[in-house]
Amino acid sequence: MLFDRPTLAGVADGSVTVAFRRWRRPTVRAGGTLTTAVGVLAIDDLTVVDRDDISADEAAMAGAASLDALLAELDRRDGELYRVAFHVAGPDPRHELRARLLTDDEAGELGRRLARLDAASRHGPWTAEALRLIAEQPGVRAGDLAERLGRERLAFKADVRKLKALGLTESLEIGYRLSPRGQSWLARPG
């Protein structure tokens, strides 16, 4: 479940506490968590709703400009309509991870995790090449980076989110950059 920057600001200040999404299959569950750029969200409730039952107050709680704007956005998508209630449960653990340089033990585990990502990929090994490209071209649009690698933009962005979850990259307003952890990984011999 992704949020745009203005909505994330509302999540951070507590003014946004619900989201509405159309899904074939929900990507969150009640009792679960979701890591976002503004912290870890605890998913309090997940309910199937009818679009006509959404109130103007709920649209405001979702950060929408108006009920009509929310409904127009939801009508552009397919799937069952869900109301997701949440609250910020804590800070984003990736912030601390990104700042921490690698120990030898952590480097060994990270190498194994990256090898697993490469092995599971349908398009072959990609992690080292993506990290090098991001290091060489910070702040470059994801679509441009994907094109340089001969990849589809959305699949490339999904892969970079995997690197971000490992603390190796950071999202910028446009594009990405390596975190200190990512820089220390690339600087390691071998």
C-alpha atoms as a PDB file:
ATOM      1  CA  MET A   1       0.000   0.000   0.000  1.00  0.00           C
ATOM      2  CA  LEU A   2       1.679   3.195  -1.183  1.00  0.00           C
ATOM      3  CA  PHE A   3       0.951   6.780  -0.152  1.00  0.00           C
ATOM      4  CA  ASP A   4       1.811   9.977  -2.002  1.00  0.00           C
ATOM      5  CA  ARG A   5       3.941  12.587  -0.225  1.00  0.00           C
ATOM      6  CA  PRO A   6       1.089  14.889   0.880  1.00  0.00           C
ATOM      7  CA  THR A   7      -0.781  11.918   2.352  1.00  0.00           C
ATOM      8  CA  LEU A   8       2.375  10.717   4.107  1.00  0.00           C
ATOM      9  CA  ALA A   9       2.700  14.154   5.710  1.00  0.00           C
ATOM     10  CA  GLY A  10      -0.840  13.710   7.055  1.00  0.00           C
ATOM     11  CA  VAL A  11       0.016  10.226   8.315  1.00  0.00           C
ATOM     12  CA  ALA A  12       3.041  11.673  10.122  1.00  0.00           C
ATOM     13  CA  ASP A  13       1.062  14.451  11.816  1.00  0.00           C
ATOM     14  CA  GLY A  14      -1.843  12.139  12.692  1.00  0.00           C
ATOM     15  CA  SER A  15      -4.466  13.818  10.504  1.00  0.00           C
ATOM     16  CA  VAL A  16      -4.630  10.834   8.101  1.00  0.00           C
ATOM     17  CA  THR A  17      -5.753   7.654   9.868  1.00  0.00           C
ATOM     18  CA  VAL A  18      -7.620   5.744   7.154  1.00  0.00           C
ATOM     19  CA  ALA A  19      -7.054   4.790   3.547  1.00  0.00           C
ATOM     20  CA  PHE A  20      -9.364   3.427   0.895  1.00  0.00           C
ATOM     21  CA  ARG A  21      -8.024   0.985  -1.653  1.00  0.00           C
ATOM     22  CA  ARG A  22      -9.399  -1.240  -4.386  1.00  0.00           C
ATOM     23  CA  TRP A  23      -7.704  -4.614  -4.412  1.00  0.00           C
ATOM     24  CA  ARG A  24      -8.293  -8.007  -5.917  1.00  0.00           C
ATOM     25  CA  ARG A  25      -6.478  -9.242  -2.808  1.00  0.00           C
ATOM     26  CA  PRO A  26      -5.603  -6.979   0.116  1.00  0.00           C
ATOM     27  CA  THR A  27      -1.912  -6.217   0.584  1.00  0.00           C
ATOM     28  CA  VAL A  28      -2.309  -5.601   4.338  1.00  0.00           C
ATOM     29  CA  ARG A  29      -4.185  -7.346   7.135  1.00  0.00           C
ATOM     30  CA  ALA A  30      -5.687  -6.231  10.419  1.00  0.00           C
ATOM     31  CA  GLY A  31      -3.124  -6.726  13.158  1.00  0.00           C
ATOM     32  CA  GLY A  32      -0.238  -6.414  10.706  1.00  0.00           C
ATOM     33  CA  THR A  33       2.167  -3.583  10.047  1.00  0.00           C
ATOM     34  CA  LEU A  34       3.308  -1.556   7.075  1.00  0.00           C
ATOM     35  CA  THR A  35       6.645   0.239   6.866  1.00  0.00           C
ATOM     36  CA  THR A  36       6.413   3.689   5.279  1.00  0.00           C
ATOM     37  CA  ALA A  37       8.766   6.624   4.930  1.00  0.00           C
ATOM     38  CA  VAL A  38       7.186   8.260   7.998  1.00  0.00           C
ATOM     39  CA  GLY A  39       7.214   5.207  10.243  1.00  0.00           C
ATOM     40  CA  VAL A  40       5.712   1.816  10.850  1.00  0.00           C
ATOM     41  CA  LEU A  41       1.928   1.764  10.607  1.00  0.00           C
ATOM     42  CA  ALA A  42      -0.111  -0.640  12.718  1.00  0.00           C
ATOM     43  CA  ILE A  43      -3.105  -1.838  10.727  1.00  0.00           C
ATOM     44  CA  ASP A  44      -6.042  -1.566  13.131  1.00  0.00           C
ATOM     45  CA  ASP A  45      -8.859  -2.664  10.848  1.00  0.00           C
ATOM     46  CA  LEU A  46      -9.477  -3.836   7.287  1.00  0.00           C
ATOM     47  CA  THR A  47     -13.085  -3.751   6.125  1.00  0.00           C
ATOM     48  CA  VAL A  48     -14.843  -4.213   2.790  1.00  0.00           C
ATOM     49  CA  VAL A  49     -17.012  -1.143   2.172  1.00  0.00           C
ATOM     50  CA  ASP A  50     -19.437   0.143  -0.419  1.00  0.00           C
ATOM     51  CA  ARG A  51     -18.342   3.361  -2.126  1.00  0.00           C
ATOM     52  CA  ASP A  52     -21.701   4.980  -1.333  1.00  0.00           C
ATOM     53  CA  ASP A  53     -21.109   4.442   2.401  1.00  0.00           C
ATOM     54  CA  ILE A  54     -17.940   6.568   2.489  1.00  0.00           C
ATOM     55  CA  SER A  55     -18.607   9.892   4.210  1.00  0.00           C
ATOM     56  CA  ALA A  56     -17.019  13.292   3.621  1.00  0.00           C
ATOM     57  CA  ASP A  57     -15.470  13.005   7.093  1.00  0.00           C
ATOM     58  CA  GLU A  58     -13.845   9.691   6.155  1.00  0.00           C
ATOM     59  CA  ALA A  59     -12.553  11.201   2.909  1.00  0.00           C
ATOM     60  CA  ALA A  60     -10.904  13.965   4.971  1.00  0.00           C
ATOM     61  CA  MET A  61      -9.465  11.346   7.360  1.00  0.00           C
ATOM     62  CA  ALA A  62      -7.935   9.702   4.265  1.00  0.00           C
ATOM     63  CA  GLY A  63      -6.291  12.977   3.232  1.00  0.00           C
ATOM     64  CA  ALA A  64      -8.511  13.496   0.180  1.00  0.00           C
ATOM     65  CA  ALA A  65      -9.329  17.022  -0.991  1.00  0.00           C
ATOM     66  CA  SER A  66     -13.016  16.075  -1.030  1.00  0.00           C
ATOM     67  CA  LEU A  67     -15.338  13.093  -1.079  1.00  0.00           C
ATOM     68  CA  ASP A  68     -15.831  13.572  -4.825  1.00  0.00           C
ATOM     69  CA  ALA A  69     -12.060  13.563  -5.401  1.00  0.00           C
ATOM     70  CA  LEU A  70     -11.654  10.355  -3.383  1.00  0.00           C
ATOM     71  CA  LEU A  71     -14.503   8.609  -5.210  1.00  0.00           C
ATOM     72  CA  ALA A  72     -13.158   9.687  -8.600  1.00  0.00           C
ATOM     73  CA  GLU A  73      -9.754   8.211  -7.718  1.00  0.00           C
ATOM     74  CA  LEU A  74     -11.305   4.972  -6.457  1.00  0.00           C
ATOM     75  CA  ASP A  75     -13.493   4.664  -9.564  1.00  0.00           C
ATOM     76  CA  ARG A  76     -10.353   4.614 -11.735  1.00  0.00           C
ATOM     77  CA  ARG A  77      -9.361   1.258 -10.242  1.00  0.00           C
ATOM     78  CA  ASP A  78     -10.728  -2.286 -10.237  1.00  0.00           C
ATOM     79  CA  GLY A  79     -11.248  -4.651  -7.349  1.00  0.00           C
ATOM     80  CA  GLU A  80     -13.107  -4.802  -4.084  1.00  0.00           C
ATOM     81  CA  LEU A  81     -13.149  -1.597  -2.044  1.00  0.00           C
ATOM     82  CA  TYR A  82     -11.474  -1.703   1.375  1.00  0.00           C
ATOM     83  CA  ARG A  83     -11.252   0.761   4.251  1.00  0.00           C
ATOM     84  CA  VAL A  84      -7.936   0.490   6.095  1.00  0.00           C
ATOM     85  CA  ALA A  85      -7.683   2.050   9.568  1.00  0.00           C
ATOM     86  CA  PHE A  86      -4.183   2.531  10.982  1.00  0.00           C
ATOM     87  CA  HIS A  87      -1.968   4.494  13.336  1.00  0.00           C
ATOM     88  CA  VAL A  88       1.756   5.231  13.464  1.00  0.00           C
ATOM     89  CA  ALA A  89       3.276   2.611  15.767  1.00  0.00           C
ATOM     90  CA  GLY A  90       6.909   3.676  15.628  1.00  0.00           C
ATOM     91  CA  PRO A  91       9.766   5.051  13.543  1.00  0.00           C
ATOM     92  CA  ASP A  92      10.895   3.590  10.226  1.00  0.00           C
ATOM     93  CA  PRO A  93      13.633   1.084  11.189  1.00  0.00           C
ATOM     94  CA  ARG A  94      15.262   1.537   7.780  1.00  0.00           C
ATOM     95  CA  HIS A  95      16.505   5.011   8.799  1.00  0.00           C
ATOM     96  CA  GLU A  96      18.793   3.584  11.467  1.00  0.00           C
ATOM     97  CA  LEU A  97      19.757   0.646   9.244  1.00  0.00           C
ATOM     98  CA  ARG A  98      20.774   2.925   6.346  1.00  0.00           C
ATOM     99  CA  ALA A  99      23.087   4.942   8.576  1.00  0.00           C
ATOM    100  CA  ARG A 100      24.828   1.910  10.093  1.00  0.00           C
ATOM    101  CA  LEU A 101      28.004   0.782   8.339  1.00  0.00           C
ATOM    102  CA  LEU A 102      28.440  -2.933   7.794  1.00  0.00           C
ATOM    103  CA  THR A 103      30.317  -5.211  10.145  1.00  0.00           C
ATOM    104  CA  ASP A 104      31.986  -8.282   8.656  1.00  0.00           C
ATOM    105  CA  ASP A 105      29.190 -10.530   9.990  1.00  0.00           C
ATOM    106  CA  GLU A 106      26.503  -8.251   8.559  1.00  0.00           C
ATOM    107  CA  ALA A 107      28.326  -8.100   5.226  1.00  0.00           C
ATOM    108  CA  GLY A 108      28.319 -11.887   4.980  1.00  0.00           C
ATOM    109  CA  GLU A 109      24.577 -12.065   5.671  1.00  0.00           C
ATOM    110  CA  LEU A 110      23.869  -9.179   3.280  1.00  0.00           C
ATOM    111  CA  GLY A 111      25.868 -10.927   0.552  1.00  0.00           C
ATOM    112  CA  ARG A 112      23.743 -14.061   1.022  1.00  0.00           C
ATOM    113  CA  ARG A 113      20.518 -12.045   0.886  1.00  0.00           C
ATOM    114  CA  LEU A 114      21.570 -10.240  -2.296  1.00  0.00           C
ATOM    115  CA  ALA A 115      22.567 -13.564  -3.862  1.00  0.00           C
ATOM    116  CA  ARG A 116      19.088 -14.921  -3.053  1.00  0.00           C
ATOM    117  CA  LEU A 117      17.478 -11.879  -4.702  1.00  0.00           C
ATOM    118  CA  ASP A 118      19.635 -12.401  -7.786  1.00  0.00           C
ATOM    119  CA  ALA A 119      18.861 -16.136  -7.910  1.00  0.00           C
ATOM    120  CA  ALA A 120      15.105 -15.553  -7.587  1.00  0.00           C
ATOM    121  CA  SER A 121      15.012 -12.945 -10.342  1.00  0.00           C
ATOM    122  CA  ARG A 122      13.385 -13.764 -13.680  1.00  0.00           C
ATOM    123  CA  HIS A 123      15.797 -11.452 -15.489  1.00  0.00           C
ATOM    124  CA  GLY A 124      19.013 -12.703 -13.922  1.00  0.00           C
ATOM    125  CA  PRO A 125      21.391 -11.125 -11.422  1.00  0.00           C
ATOM    126  CA  TRP A 126      20.591  -7.454 -10.943  1.00  0.00           C
ATOM    127  CA  THR A 127      21.539  -6.252  -7.451  1.00  0.00           C
ATOM    128  CA  ALA A 128      25.197  -5.279  -8.029  1.00  0.00           C
ATOM    129  CA  GLU A 129      24.434  -3.574 -11.323  1.00  0.00           C
ATOM    130  CA  ALA A 130      21.524  -1.604  -9.849  1.00  0.00           C
ATOM    131  CA  LEU A 131      23.575  -0.498  -6.843  1.00  0.00           C
ATOM    132  CA  ARG A 132      26.469   0.636  -9.059  1.00  0.00           C
ATOM    133  CA  LEU A 133      24.112   2.555 -11.358  1.00  0.00           C
ATOM    134  CA  ILE A 134      22.423   4.311  -8.437  1.00  0.00           C
ATOM    135  CA  ALA A 135      25.851   5.157  -6.974  1.00  0.00           C
ATOM    136  CA  GLU A 136      26.984   6.625 -10.286  1.00  0.00           C
ATOM    137  CA  GLN A 137      23.747   8.488 -10.990  1.00  0.00           C
ATOM    138  CA  PRO A 138      22.007   9.627  -7.814  1.00  0.00           C
ATOM    139  CA  GLY A 139      18.814  11.607  -8.280  1.00  0.00           C
ATOM    140  CA  VAL A 140      18.116  10.193 -11.748  1.00  0.00           C
ATOM    141  CA  ARG A 141      14.509   9.225 -12.507  1.00  0.00           C
ATOM    142  CA  ALA A 142      13.667   5.552 -12.000  1.00  0.00           C
ATOM    143  CA  GLY A 143      12.431   5.283 -15.589  1.00  0.00           C
ATOM    144  CA  ASP A 144      15.767   6.510 -16.928  1.00  0.00           C
ATOM    145  CA  LEU A 145      17.731   4.106 -14.728  1.00  0.00           C
ATOM    146  CA  ALA A 146      15.466   1.219 -15.731  1.00  0.00           C
ATOM    147  CA  GLU A 147      15.947   2.051 -19.397  1.00  0.00           C
ATOM    148  CA  ARG A 148      19.735   2.014 -18.988  1.00  0.00           C
ATOM    149  CA  LEU A 149      19.444  -1.488 -17.566  1.00  0.00           C
ATOM    150  CA  GLY A 150      16.966  -2.622 -20.223  1.00  0.00           C
ATOM    151  CA  ARG A 151      14.288  -3.065 -17.563  1.00  0.00           C
ATOM    152  CA  GLU A 152      10.645  -2.095 -17.203  1.00  0.00           C
ATOM    153  CA  ARG A 153      10.218   0.882 -14.856  1.00  0.00           C
ATOM    154  CA  LEU A 154       7.727  -0.621 -12.372  1.00  0.00           C
ATOM    155  CA  ALA A 155       9.671  -3.872 -12.039  1.00  0.00           C
ATOM    156  CA  PHE A 156      12.876  -1.895 -11.521  1.00  0.00           C
ATOM    157  CA  LYS A 157      11.222   0.250  -8.828  1.00  0.00           C
ATOM    158  CA  ALA A 158       9.989  -2.899  -7.068  1.00  0.00           C
ATOM    159  CA  ASP A 159      13.546  -4.232  -7.061  1.00  0.00           C
ATOM    160  CA  VAL A 160      14.941  -0.962  -5.685  1.00  0.00           C
ATOM    161  CA  ARG A 161      12.381  -1.178  -2.844  1.00  0.00           C
ATOM    162  CA  LYS A 162      14.011  -4.527  -1.962  1.00  0.00           C
ATOM    163  CA  LEU A 163      17.385  -2.795  -1.757  1.00  0.00           C
ATOM    164  CA  LYS A 164      15.807  -0.041   0.342  1.00  0.00           C
ATOM    165  CA  ALA A 165      14.402  -2.639   2.756  1.00  0.00           C
ATOM    166  CA  LEU A 166      17.986  -3.881   3.232  1.00  0.00           C
ATOM    167  CA  GLY A 167      19.085  -0.336   4.083  1.00  0.00           C
ATOM    168  CA  LEU A 168      21.191   0.088   0.938  1.00  0.00           C
ATOM    169  CA  THR A 169      19.319   2.869  -0.876  1.00  0.00           C
ATOM    170  CA  GLU A 170      17.283   5.951  -0.066  1.00  0.00           C
ATOM    171  CA  SER A 171      14.482   7.471  -2.118  1.00  0.00           C
ATOM    172  CA  LEU A 172      14.892  11.089  -3.137  1.00  0.00           C
ATOM    173  CA  GLU A 173      12.258  13.509  -4.440  1.00  0.00           C
ATOM    174  CA  ILE A 174      13.436  12.269  -7.845  1.00  0.00           C
ATOM    175  CA  GLY A 175      15.361   9.007  -8.071  1.00  0.00           C
ATOM    176  CA  TYR A 176      17.526   7.350  -5.454  1.00  0.00           C
ATOM    177  CA  ARG A 177      20.933   7.444  -3.823  1.00  0.00           C
ATOM    178  CA  LEU A 178      23.002   4.951  -1.914  1.00  0.00           C
ATOM    179  CA  SER A 179      22.789   5.134   1.847  1.00  0.00           C
ATOM    180  CA  PRO A 180      25.984   5.106   3.921  1.00  0.00           C
ATOM    181  CA  ARG A 181      25.337   1.373   4.369  1.00  0.00           C
ATOM    182  CA  GLY A 182      25.017   0.922   0.593  1.00  0.00           C
ATOM    183  CA  GLN A 183      28.210   2.891   0.030  1.00  0.00           C
ATOM    184  CA  SER A 184      30.051   0.704   2.536  1.00  0.00           C
ATOM    185  CA  TRP A 185      28.750  -2.401   0.747  1.00  0.00           C
ATOM    186  CA  LEU A 186      30.010  -1.236  -2.645  1.00  0.00           C
ATOM    187  CA  ALA A 187      33.370  -0.210  -1.154  1.00  0.00           C
ATOM    188  CA  ARG A 188      34.015  -3.720   0.210  1.00  0.00           C
ATOM    189  CA  PRO A 189      36.546  -5.773  -1.748  1.00  0.00           C
ATOM    190  CA  GLY A 190      35.297  -8.623  -3.878  1.00  0.00           C
END
